[in-house]
Protein backbone atom coordinates (compact mmCIF):
# COMPACT_ATOMS: atom_id res chain seq x y z
CA UNK A 1 31.85 -44.33 -23.80
CA UNK A 2 31.20 -47.33 -21.58
CA UNK A 3 27.90 -49.18 -21.60
CA UNK A 4 28.16 -49.80 -17.86
CA UNK A 5 29.82 -47.35 -15.51
CA UNK A 6 29.46 -46.26 -11.91
CA UNK A 7 26.84 -43.64 -12.72
CA UNK A 8 24.41 -45.93 -14.56
CA UNK A 9 25.00 -49.22 -12.74
CA UNK A 10 21.58 -49.01 -11.06
CA UNK A 11 19.83 -48.53 -14.40
CA UNK A 12 21.70 -51.41 -15.99
CA UNK A 13 20.82 -53.70 -13.08
CA UNK A 14 17.19 -52.62 -13.36
CA UNK A 15 17.23 -53.33 -17.11
CA UNK A 16 18.77 -56.76 -16.51
CA UNK A 17 16.09 -57.72 -13.98
CA UNK A 18 13.33 -56.51 -16.31
CA UNK A 19 14.86 -58.46 -19.20
CA UNK A 20 14.99 -61.67 -17.15
CA UNK A 21 11.36 -61.25 -16.06
CA UNK A 22 10.26 -60.72 -19.67
CA UNK A 23 12.23 -63.77 -20.81
CA UNK A 24 10.47 -65.85 -18.16
CA UNK A 25 7.12 -64.69 -19.52
CA UNK A 26 8.24 -65.41 -23.07
CA UNK A 27 9.33 -68.94 -22.12
CA UNK A 28 5.97 -69.54 -20.43
CA UNK A 29 4.18 -68.41 -23.60
CA UNK A 30 6.33 -70.70 -25.72
CA UNK A 31 5.60 -73.61 -23.40
CA UNK A 32 1.87 -72.94 -23.46
CA UNK A 33 1.77 -72.71 -27.25
CA UNK A 34 3.88 -75.80 -27.90
CA UNK A 35 3.02 -78.20 -25.08
CA UNK A 36 -0.62 -77.61 -24.15
CA UNK A 37 -2.24 -78.73 -27.39
CA UNK A 38 -3.60 -81.97 -25.91
CA UNK A 39 -4.57 -80.56 -22.51
CA UNK A 40 -8.07 -79.73 -21.39
CA UNK A 41 -9.38 -76.32 -22.30
CA UNK A 42 -9.63 -75.30 -18.64
CA UNK A 43 -5.90 -75.98 -18.09
CA UNK A 44 -4.97 -73.96 -21.17
CA UNK A 45 -7.30 -71.17 -20.07
CA UNK A 46 -5.65 -71.09 -16.63
CA UNK A 47 -2.21 -70.83 -18.24
CA UNK A 48 -3.27 -67.92 -20.44
CA UNK A 49 -5.03 -66.23 -17.51
CA UNK A 50 -1.84 -66.58 -15.46
CA UNK A 51 0.24 -65.16 -18.30
CA UNK A 52 -2.14 -62.21 -18.60
CA UNK A 53 -1.94 -61.47 -14.89
CA UNK A 54 1.85 -61.87 -14.89
CA UNK A 55 2.15 -59.55 -17.90
CA UNK A 56 -0.10 -56.92 -16.35
CA UNK A 57 1.85 -56.98 -13.08
CA UNK A 58 5.10 -56.85 -15.04
CA UNK A 59 3.99 -53.80 -17.03
CA UNK A 60 2.67 -51.99 -13.95
CA UNK A 61 5.68 -52.92 -11.84
CA UNK A 62 8.21 -51.84 -14.45
CA UNK A 63 6.43 -48.53 -14.97
CA UNK A 64 6.28 -47.84 -11.23
CA UNK A 65 9.94 -48.79 -10.79
CA UNK A 66 10.97 -46.58 -13.71
CA UNK A 67 8.97 -43.67 -12.31
CA UNK A 68 10.58 -44.16 -8.90
CA UNK A 69 14.09 -44.17 -10.44
CA UNK A 70 13.26 -41.08 -12.52
CA UNK A 71 12.09 -39.17 -9.45
CA UNK A 72 15.29 -40.11 -7.62
CA UNK A 73 17.31 -38.73 -10.52
CA UNK A 74 15.29 -35.52 -10.53
CA UNK A 75 15.91 -35.08 -6.81
CA UNK A 76 19.65 -35.70 -7.28
CA UNK A 77 19.77 -33.20 -10.14
CA UNK A 78 17.83 -30.70 -8.04
CA UNK A 79 20.28 -31.11 -5.17
CA UNK A 80 23.18 -30.65 -7.56
CA UNK A 81 21.63 -27.52 -9.05
CA UNK A 82 20.88 -26.01 -5.64
CA UNK A 83 24.43 -26.77 -4.45
CA UNK A 84 25.84 -25.15 -7.59
CA UNK A 85 23.63 -22.09 -7.07
CA UNK A 86 24.74 -21.78 -3.45
CA UNK A 87 28.40 -22.09 -4.47
CA UNK A 88 27.90 -19.44 -7.15
CA UNK A 89 26.23 -17.09 -4.65
CA UNK A 90 29.05 -17.58 -2.15
CA UNK A 91 31.71 -16.88 -4.76
CA UNK A 92 29.81 -13.77 -5.92
CA UNK A 93 29.59 -12.55 -2.32
CA UNK A 94 33.33 -13.08 -1.88
CA UNK A 95 34.10 -11.17 -5.07
CA UNK A 96 31.84 -8.26 -4.06
CA UNK A 97 33.54 -7.90 -0.65
């Protein structure tokens, strides 16, 4: 059982991109908490507002991307099922003849 194979390469790439984006947000939070202690309140507020917006876009974007990928998989499975059904019907017709 391989962690990465040809069938799930798209999912693994998606997970890697999402991980990197979350690590960027985490690093920004760490920076804001450790380095902004002596800054003006307005600067700190802007950083936290930016992190909130970034986090909200990240959550919404990841959910939309996951939904898109899931729908693609459902369509592929549906095509596979319909092709299997057609093959089964053809083989049944050949056996009946």
